[in-house]
Amino acid sequence: RLATIPGTVPPPTAWPAGCRFHDRCPYA
């Protein structure tokens, strides 16, 4: 039982719009 956060930190040249964690967030 090893929990992980999917994906990786996006590059600082292209932070996503909105919440910067939304593409990795299960609640988004």
PDB file of all heavy atoms in Angstrom:
ATOM      1  N   ARG A   1       0.838  -1.191   0.000  1.00  0.00           N
ATOM      2  CA  ARG A   1       0.000   0.000   0.000  1.00  0.00           C
ATOM      3  C   ARG A   1       0.877   1.247   0.000  1.00  0.00           C
ATOM      4  O   ARG A   1       1.187   1.820   1.039  1.00  0.00           O
ATOM      5  CB  ARG A   1      -0.924   0.009   1.213  1.00  0.00           C
ATOM      6  CG  ARG A   1      -1.827  -1.207   1.333  1.00  0.00           C
ATOM      7  CD  ARG A   1      -2.905  -1.217   0.288  1.00  0.00           C
ATOM      8  NE  ARG A   1      -3.873  -0.157   0.496  1.00  0.00           N
ATOM      9  CZ  ARG A   1      -4.916   0.054  -0.297  1.00  0.00           C
ATOM     10  NH1 ARG A   1      -5.106  -0.706  -1.363  1.00  0.00           N
ATOM     11  NH2 ARG A   1      -5.757   1.035  -0.047  1.00  0.00           N
ATOM     12  N   LEU A   2       1.319   1.674  -1.162  1.00  0.00           N
ATOM     13  CA  LEU A   2       2.187   2.843  -1.295  1.00  0.00           C
ATOM     14  C   LEU A   2       1.471   3.906  -2.126  1.00  0.00           C
ATOM     15  O   LEU A   2       1.249   3.736  -3.322  1.00  0.00           O
ATOM     16  CB  LEU A   2       3.509   2.449  -1.967  1.00  0.00           C
ATOM     17  CG  LEU A   2       4.531   3.549  -2.185  1.00  0.00           C
ATOM     18  CD1 LEU A   2       5.015   4.093  -0.844  1.00  0.00           C
ATOM     19  CD2 LEU A   2       5.712   3.037  -2.996  1.00  0.00           C
ATOM     20  N   ALA A   3       1.075   4.990  -1.487  1.00  0.00           N
ATOM     21  CA  ALA A   3       0.351   6.055  -2.182  1.00  0.00           C
ATOM     22  C   ALA A   3       1.316   6.967  -2.918  1.00  0.00           C
ATOM     23  O   ALA A   3       2.400   7.267  -2.414  1.00  0.00           O
ATOM     24  CB  ALA A   3      -0.478   6.867  -1.190  1.00  0.00           C
ATOM     25  N   THR A   4       0.956   7.404  -4.098  1.00  0.00           N
ATOM     26  CA  THR A   4       1.778   8.315  -4.887  1.00  0.00           C
ATOM     27  C   THR A   4       0.910   9.427  -5.457  1.00  0.00           C
ATOM     28  O   THR A   4      -0.304   9.276  -5.606  1.00  0.00           O
ATOM     29  CB  THR A   4       2.476   7.583  -6.057  1.00  0.00           C
ATOM     30  OG1 THR A   4       1.477   7.063  -6.952  1.00  0.00           O
ATOM     31  CG2 THR A   4       3.344   6.450  -5.558  1.00  0.00           C
ATOM     32  N   ILE A   5       1.560  10.548  -5.775  1.00  0.00           N
ATOM     33  CA  ILE A   5       0.893  11.639  -6.490  1.00  0.00           C
ATOM     34  C   ILE A   5       1.180  11.441  -7.970  1.00  0.00           C
ATOM     35  O   ILE A   5       2.348  11.447  -8.372  1.00  0.00           O
ATOM     36  CB  ILE A   5       1.410  13.004  -6.024  1.00  0.00           C
ATOM     37  CG1 ILE A   5       1.230  13.170  -4.517  1.00  0.00           C
ATOM     38  CG2 ILE A   5       0.678  14.135  -6.759  1.00  0.00           C
ATOM     39  CD1 ILE A   5       1.828  14.445  -3.955  1.00  0.00           C
ATOM     40  N   PRO A   6       0.181  11.251  -8.798  1.00  0.00           N
ATOM     41  CA  PRO A   6       0.449  11.018 -10.221  1.00  0.00           C
ATOM     42  C   PRO A   6       1.031  12.255 -10.890  1.00  0.00           C
ATOM     43  O   PRO A   6       0.823  13.384 -10.444  1.00  0.00           O
ATOM     44  CB  PRO A   6      -0.933  10.675 -10.783  1.00  0.00           C
ATOM     45  CG  PRO A   6      -1.901  11.328  -9.843  1.00  0.00           C
ATOM     46  CD  PRO A   6      -1.259  11.257  -8.490  1.00  0.00           C
ATOM     47  N   GLY A   7       1.786  12.030 -11.974  1.00  0.00           N
ATOM     48  CA  GLY A   7       2.323  13.143 -12.751  1.00  0.00           C
ATOM     49  C   GLY A   7       3.560  13.750 -12.125  1.00  0.00           C
ATOM     50  O   GLY A   7       4.125  13.229 -11.160  1.00  0.00           O
ATOM     51  N   THR A   8       3.983  14.872 -12.684  1.00  0.00           N
ATOM     52  CA  THR A   8       5.175  15.577 -12.217  1.00  0.00           C
ATOM     53  C   THR A   8       4.897  17.069 -12.133  1.00  0.00           C
ATOM     54  O   THR A   8       3.901  17.569 -12.683  1.00  0.00           O
ATOM     55  CB  THR A   8       6.358  15.355 -13.178  1.00  0.00           C
ATOM     56  OG1 THR A   8       5.993  15.808 -14.491  1.00  0.00           O
ATOM     57  CG2 THR A   8       6.757  13.887 -13.242  1.00  0.00           C
ATOM     58  N   VAL A   9       5.782  17.784 -11.476  1.00  0.00           N
ATOM     59  CA  VAL A   9       5.673  19.239 -11.410  1.00  0.00           C
ATOM     60  C   VAL A   9       5.873  19.803 -12.814  1.00  0.00           C
ATOM     61  O   VAL A   9       6.852  19.470 -13.482  1.00  0.00           O
ATOM     62  CB  VAL A   9       6.732  19.824 -10.460  1.00  0.00           C
ATOM     63  CG1 VAL A   9       6.596  21.346 -10.380  1.00  0.00           C
ATOM     64  CG2 VAL A   9       6.612  19.211  -9.072  1.00  0.00           C
ATOM     65  N   PRO A  10       4.964  20.638 -13.304  1.00  0.00           N
ATOM     66  CA  PRO A  10       5.135  21.218 -14.637  1.00  0.00           C
ATOM     67  C   PRO A  10       6.324  22.167 -14.684  1.00  0.00           C
ATOM     68  O   PRO A  10       6.766  22.671 -13.645  1.00  0.00           O
ATOM     69  CB  PRO A  10       3.817  21.958 -14.889  1.00  0.00           C
ATOM     70  CG  PRO A  10       3.268  22.231 -13.522  1.00  0.00           C
ATOM     71  CD  PRO A  10       3.722  21.097 -12.656  1.00  0.00           C
ATOM     72  N   PRO A  11       6.872  22.425 -15.878  1.00  0.00           N
ATOM     73  CA  PRO A  11       8.006  23.345 -15.965  1.00  0.00           C
ATOM     74  C   PRO A  11       7.593  24.766 -15.618  1.00  0.00           C
ATOM     75  O   PRO A  11       6.459  25.185 -15.903  1.00  0.00           O
ATOM     76  CB  PRO A  11       8.432  23.240 -17.432  1.00  0.00           C
ATOM     77  CG  PRO A  11       7.213  22.777 -18.157  1.00  0.00           C
ATOM     78  CD  PRO A  11       6.481  21.891 -17.198  1.00  0.00           C
ATOM     79  N   PRO A  12       8.496  25.540 -14.989  1.00  0.00           N
ATOM     80  CA  PRO A  12       8.142  26.905 -14.591  1.00  0.00           C
ATOM     81  C   PRO A  12       7.939  27.853 -15.768  1.00  0.00           C
ATOM     82  O   PRO A  12       7.487  28.981 -15.566  1.00  0.00           O
ATOM     83  CB  PRO A  12       9.338  27.336 -13.726  1.00  0.00           C
ATOM     84  CG  PRO A  12      10.461  26.453 -14.139  1.00  0.00           C
ATOM     85  CD  PRO A  12       9.844  25.150 -14.537  1.00  0.00           C
ATOM     86  N   THR A  13       8.294  27.421 -16.969  1.00  0.00           N
ATOM     87  CA  THR A  13       8.005  28.239 -18.155  1.00  0.00           C
ATOM     88  C   THR A  13       6.567  28.064 -18.625  1.00  0.00           C
ATOM     89  O   THR A  13       6.116  28.793 -19.512  1.00  0.00           O
ATOM     90  CB  THR A  13       8.948  27.847 -19.311  1.00  0.00           C
ATOM     91  OG1 THR A  13       8.882  26.427 -19.512  1.00  0.00           O
ATOM     92  CG2 THR A  13      10.379  28.249 -19.005  1.00  0.00           C
ATOM     93  N   ALA A  14       5.861  27.097 -18.040  1.00  0.00           N
ATOM     94  CA  ALA A  14       4.499  26.810 -18.511  1.00  0.00           C
ATOM     95  C   ALA A  14       3.617  26.358 -17.357  1.00  0.00           C
ATOM     96  O   ALA A  14       3.035  25.268 -17.398  1.00  0.00           O
ATOM     97  CB  ALA A  14       4.542  25.744 -19.603  1.00  0.00           C
ATOM     98  N   TRP A  15       3.521  27.188 -16.312  1.00  0.00           N
ATOM     99  CA  TRP A  15       2.587  26.843 -15.248  1.00  0.00           C
ATOM    100  C   TRP A  15       1.184  26.788 -15.831  1.00  0.00           C
ATOM    101  O   TRP A  15       0.794  27.658 -16.621  1.00  0.00           O
ATOM    102  CB  TRP A  15       2.608  27.887 -14.135  1.00  0.00           C
ATOM    103  CG  TRP A  15       3.874  28.082 -13.365  1.00  0.00           C
ATOM    104  CD1 TRP A  15       4.454  29.271 -13.052  1.00  0.00           C
ATOM    105  CD2 TRP A  15       4.699  27.075 -12.755  1.00  0.00           C
ATOM    106  NE1 TRP A  15       5.588  29.079 -12.297  1.00  0.00           N
ATOM    107  CE2 TRP A  15       5.766  27.733 -12.103  1.00  0.00           C
ATOM    108  CE3 TRP A  15       4.650  25.674 -12.704  1.00  0.00           C
ATOM    109  CZ2 TRP A  15       6.760  27.058 -11.412  1.00  0.00           C
ATOM    110  CZ3 TRP A  15       5.641  25.000 -12.019  1.00  0.00           C
ATOM    111  CH2 TRP A  15       6.678  25.677 -11.377  1.00  0.00           C
ATOM    112  N   PRO A  16       0.378  25.799 -15.471  1.00  0.00           N
ATOM    113  CA  PRO A  16      -0.986  25.717 -16.022  1.00  0.00           C
ATOM    114  C   PRO A  16      -1.866  26.856 -15.503  1.00  0.00           C
ATOM    115  O   PRO A  16      -1.612  27.427 -14.444  1.00  0.00           O
ATOM    116  CB  PRO A  16      -1.476  24.360 -15.518  1.00  0.00           C
ATOM    117  CG  PRO A  16      -0.639  24.052 -14.332  1.00  0.00           C
ATOM    118  CD  PRO A  16       0.701  24.673 -14.581  1.00  0.00           C
ATOM    119  N   ALA A  17      -2.887  27.188 -16.271  1.00  0.00           N
ATOM    120  CA  ALA A  17      -3.849  28.200 -15.830  1.00  0.00           C
ATOM    121  C   ALA A  17      -4.661  27.657 -14.665  1.00  0.00           C
ATOM    122  O   ALA A  17      -4.704  26.452 -14.415  1.00  0.00           O
ATOM    123  CB  ALA A  17      -4.760  28.572 -16.995  1.00  0.00           C
ATOM    124  N   GLY A  18      -5.316  28.553 -13.957  1.00  0.00           N
ATOM    125  CA  GLY A  18      -6.097  28.140 -12.805  1.00  0.00           C
ATOM    126  C   GLY A  18      -5.200  27.662 -11.683  1.00  0.00           C
ATOM    127  O   GLY A  18      -4.104  28.190 -11.464  1.00  0.00           O
ATOM    128  N   CYS A  19      -5.641  26.651 -10.961  1.00  0.00           N
ATOM    129  CA  CYS A  19      -4.815  26.050  -9.918  1.00  0.00           C
ATOM    130  C   CYS A  19      -3.679  25.277 -10.575  1.00  0.00           C
ATOM    131  O   CYS A  19      -3.904  24.465 -11.473  1.00  0.00           O
ATOM    132  CB  CYS A  19      -5.656  25.116  -9.048  1.00  0.00           C
ATOM    133  SG  CYS A  19      -4.676  24.165  -7.867  1.00  0.00           S
ATOM    134  N   ARG A  20      -2.457  25.498 -10.124  1.00  0.00           N
ATOM    135  CA  ARG A  20      -1.300  24.870 -10.766  1.00  0.00           C
ATOM    136  C   ARG A  20      -1.179  23.384 -10.448  1.00  0.00           C
ATOM    137  O   ARG A  20      -0.382  22.686 -11.066  1.00  0.00           O
ATOM    138  CB  ARG A  20      -0.029  25.611 -10.356  1.00  0.00           C
ATOM    139  CG  ARG A  20      -0.018  27.025 -10.899  1.00  0.00           C
ATOM    140  CD  ARG A  20       1.195  27.836 -10.486  1.00  0.00           C
ATOM    141  NE  ARG A  20       1.075  29.179 -11.020  1.00  0.00           N
ATOM    142  CZ  ARG A  20       1.953  30.151 -10.829  1.00  0.00           C
ATOM    143  NH1 ARG A  20       3.031  29.929 -10.088  1.00  0.00           N
ATOM    144  NH2 ARG A  20       1.758  31.345 -11.353  1.00  0.00           N
ATOM    145  N   PHE A  21      -1.996  22.902  -9.522  1.00  0.00           N
ATOM    146  CA  PHE A  21      -1.978  21.482  -9.168  1.00  0.00           C
ATOM    147  C   PHE A  21      -3.154  20.733  -9.792  1.00  0.00           C
ATOM    148  O   PHE A  21      -3.263  19.522  -9.632  1.00  0.00           O
ATOM    149  CB  PHE A  21      -2.020  21.350  -7.632  1.00  0.00           C
ATOM    150  CG  PHE A  21      -1.838  19.953  -7.124  1.00  0.00           C
ATOM    151  CD1 PHE A  21      -0.659  19.245  -7.347  1.00  0.00           C
ATOM    152  CD2 PHE A  21      -2.849  19.325  -6.392  1.00  0.00           C
ATOM    153  CE1 PHE A  21      -0.488  17.950  -6.869  1.00  0.00           C
ATOM    154  CE2 PHE A  21      -2.684  18.032  -5.906  1.00  0.00           C
ATOM    155  CZ  PHE A  21      -1.502  17.346  -6.141  1.00  0.00           C
ATOM    156  N   HIS A  22      -4.003  21.414 -10.549  1.00  0.00           N
ATOM    157  CA  HIS A  22      -5.268  20.794 -10.955  1.00  0.00           C
ATOM    158  C   HIS A  22      -5.091  19.555 -11.825  1.00  0.00           C
ATOM    159  O   HIS A  22      -5.898  18.625 -11.766  1.00  0.00           O
ATOM    160  CB  HIS A  22      -6.177  21.821 -11.667  1.00  0.00           C
ATOM    161  CG  HIS A  22      -5.827  22.093 -13.092  1.00  0.00           C
ATOM    162  ND1 HIS A  22      -5.163  23.243 -13.488  1.00  0.00           N
ATOM    163  CD2 HIS A  22      -6.037  21.384 -14.246  1.00  0.00           C
ATOM    164  CE1 HIS A  22      -5.000  23.229 -14.803  1.00  0.00           C
ATOM    165  NE2 HIS A  22      -5.502  22.108 -15.272  1.00  0.00           N
ATOM    166  N   ASP A  23      -4.025  19.504 -12.654  1.00  0.00           N
ATOM    167  CA  ASP A  23      -3.855  18.348 -13.536  1.00  0.00           C
ATOM    168  C   ASP A  23      -3.358  17.109 -12.798  1.00  0.00           C
ATOM    169  O   ASP A  23      -3.315  16.017 -13.375  1.00  0.00           O
ATOM    170  CB  ASP A  23      -2.905  18.693 -14.691  1.00  0.00           C
ATOM    171  CG  ASP A  23      -1.541  19.171 -14.225  1.00  0.00           C
ATOM    172  OD1 ASP A  23      -1.416  19.539 -13.044  1.00  0.00           O
ATOM    173  OD2 ASP A  23      -0.596  19.165 -15.037  1.00  0.00           O
ATOM    174  N   ARG A  24      -3.017  17.244 -11.519  1.00  0.00           N
ATOM    175  CA  ARG A  24      -2.576  16.103 -10.708  1.00  0.00           C
ATOM    176  C   ARG A  24      -3.530  15.849  -9.541  1.00  0.00           C
ATOM    177  O   ARG A  24      -3.325  14.917  -8.776  1.00  0.00           O
ATOM    178  CB  ARG A  24      -1.170  16.362 -10.151  1.00  0.00           C
ATOM    179  CG  ARG A  24      -0.129  16.683 -11.200  1.00  0.00           C
ATOM    180  CD  ARG A  24       1.215  17.017 -10.577  1.00  0.00           C
ATOM    181  NE  ARG A  24       1.834  15.853  -9.947  1.00  0.00           N
ATOM    182  CZ  ARG A  24       2.927  15.911  -9.180  1.00  0.00           C
ATOM    183  NH1 ARG A  24       3.505  17.086  -8.947  1.00  0.00           N
ATOM    184  NH2 ARG A  24       3.424  14.817  -8.664  1.00  0.00           N
ATOM    185  N   CYS A  25      -4.542  16.675  -9.430  1.00  0.00           N
ATOM    186  CA  CYS A  25      -5.418  16.662  -8.250  1.00  0.00           C
ATOM    187  C   CYS A  25      -6.648  15.782  -8.477  1.00  0.00           C
ATOM    188  O   CYS A  25      -7.350  15.935  -9.486  1.00  0.00           O
ATOM    189  CB  CYS A  25      -5.855  18.087  -7.921  1.00  0.00           C
ATOM    190  SG  CYS A  25      -6.948  18.186  -6.474  1.00  0.00           S
ATOM    191  N   PRO A  26      -6.961  14.866  -7.565  1.00  0.00           N
ATOM    192  CA  PRO A  26      -8.136  13.999  -7.729  1.00  0.00           C
ATOM    193  C   PRO A  26      -9.459  14.713  -7.479  1.00  0.00           C
ATOM    194  O   PRO A  26     -10.515  14.183  -7.809  1.00  0.00           O
ATOM    195  CB  PRO A  26      -7.903  12.906  -6.678  1.00  0.00           C
ATOM    196  CG  PRO A  26      -7.101  13.574  -5.616  1.00  0.00           C
ATOM    197  CD  PRO A  26      -6.206  14.542  -6.338  1.00  0.00           C
ATOM    198  N   TYR A  27      -9.417  15.909  -6.894  1.00  0.00           N
ATOM    199  CA  TYR A  27     -10.644  16.638  -6.583  1.00  0.00           C
ATOM    200  C   TYR A  27     -10.965  17.729  -7.601  1.00  0.00           C
ATOM    201  O   TYR A  27     -11.969  18.423  -7.466  1.00  0.00           O
ATOM    202  CB  TYR A  27     -10.529  17.299  -5.204  1.00  0.00           C
ATOM    203  CG  TYR A  27     -10.074  16.382  -4.102  1.00  0.00           C
ATOM    204  CD1 TYR A  27      -8.860  16.593  -3.459  1.00  0.00           C
ATOM    205  CD2 TYR A  27     -10.852  15.305  -3.691  1.00  0.00           C
ATOM    206  CE1 TYR A  27      -8.437  15.757  -2.432  1.00  0.00           C
ATOM    207  CE2 TYR A  27     -10.440  14.462  -2.675  1.00  0.00           C
ATOM    208  CZ  TYR A  27      -9.224  14.692  -2.049  1.00  0.00           C
ATOM    209  OH  TYR A  27      -8.812  13.860  -1.046  1.00  0.00           O
ATOM    210  N   ALA A  28     -10.114  17.952  -8.584  1.00  0.00           N
ATOM    211  CA  ALA A  28     -10.240  19.115  -9.469  1.00  0.00           C
ATOM    212  C   ALA A  28     -11.568  19.116 -10.227  1.00  0.00           C
ATOM    213  O   ALA A  28     -12.070  18.075 -10.651  1.00  0.00           O
ATOM    214  CB  ALA A  28      -9.077  19.140 -10.453  1.00  0.00           C
TER     215      ALA A  28
END
